[in-house]
Amino acid sequence: MRDKAEGTFHEVKGKVKEIAGKITDNPKLEGKGKAEKIAGKVQEKVGQVKKVLGK
């Protein structure tokens, strides 16, 4: 459950960074946001798999 919650948190945080990067015309921040958003999605999926496997 923890992985899923943390994954969601990182996904949202990444989306905020991505939008901030677009608004401020900062491609580096936008890229970091996209990467964090993807990492969050992966972590969320790991949490779902662990739940299914009962770990």
Protein backbone atom coordinates (compact mmCIF):
# COMPACT_ATOMS: atom_id res chain seq x y z
CA MET A 1 0.00 0.00 0.00
CA ARG A 2 2.89 2.30 0.80
CA ASP A 3 4.38 1.97 -2.71
CA LYS A 4 1.07 2.87 -4.28
CA ALA A 5 0.61 5.96 -2.10
CA GLU A 6 4.18 7.15 -2.63
CA GLY A 7 3.86 6.49 -6.35
CA THR A 8 0.76 8.64 -6.55
CA PHE A 9 2.51 11.39 -4.58
CA HIS A 10 5.50 11.38 -6.94
CA GLU A 11 3.24 11.29 -9.98
CA VAL A 12 1.38 14.40 -8.81
CA LYS A 13 4.60 16.14 -7.79
CA GLY A 14 6.10 15.36 -11.21
CA LYS A 15 3.04 16.75 -12.99
CA VAL A 16 3.33 19.99 -10.99
CA LYS A 17 7.01 20.31 -11.94
CA GLU A 18 6.18 19.57 -15.56
CA ILE A 19 3.53 22.30 -15.67
CA ALA A 20 5.80 24.75 -13.83
CA GLY A 21 8.53 24.06 -16.37
CA LYS A 22 6.15 24.78 -19.25
CA ILE A 23 4.87 27.98 -17.66
CA THR A 24 8.35 29.31 -16.87
CA ASP A 25 9.80 28.07 -20.18
CA ASN A 26 12.26 25.87 -18.29
CA PRO A 27 12.76 22.65 -20.28
CA LYS A 28 15.07 21.18 -17.62
CA LEU A 29 12.37 21.45 -14.92
CA GLU A 30 9.76 20.15 -17.35
CA GLY A 31 11.96 17.13 -18.11
CA LYS A 32 12.55 16.42 -14.43
CA GLY A 33 8.81 16.60 -13.87
CA LYS A 34 8.08 14.13 -16.65
CA ALA A 35 10.71 11.72 -15.31
CA GLU A 36 9.33 11.95 -11.75
CA LYS A 37 5.79 11.44 -13.02
CA ILE A 38 6.83 8.27 -14.88
CA ALA A 39 8.75 6.99 -11.85
CA GLY A 40 5.66 7.59 -9.74
CA LYS A 41 3.51 5.58 -12.13
CA VAL A 42 6.01 2.71 -12.01
CA GLN A 43 6.12 2.77 -8.21
CA GLU A 44 2.32 2.78 -8.09
CA LYS A 45 2.23 -0.31 -10.34
CA VAL A 46 4.77 -2.04 -8.08
CA GLY A 47 2.42 -1.41 -5.17
CA GLN A 48 -0.47 -2.92 -7.11
CA VAL A 49 1.57 -6.03 -7.97
CA LYS A 50 2.67 -6.47 -4.35
CA LYS A 51 -0.95 -6.25 -3.26
CA VAL A 52 -1.97 -8.95 -5.73
CA LEU A 53 0.91 -11.18 -4.64
CA GLY A 54 0.11 -10.55 -1.00
CA LYS A 55 3.48 -9.07 -0.09
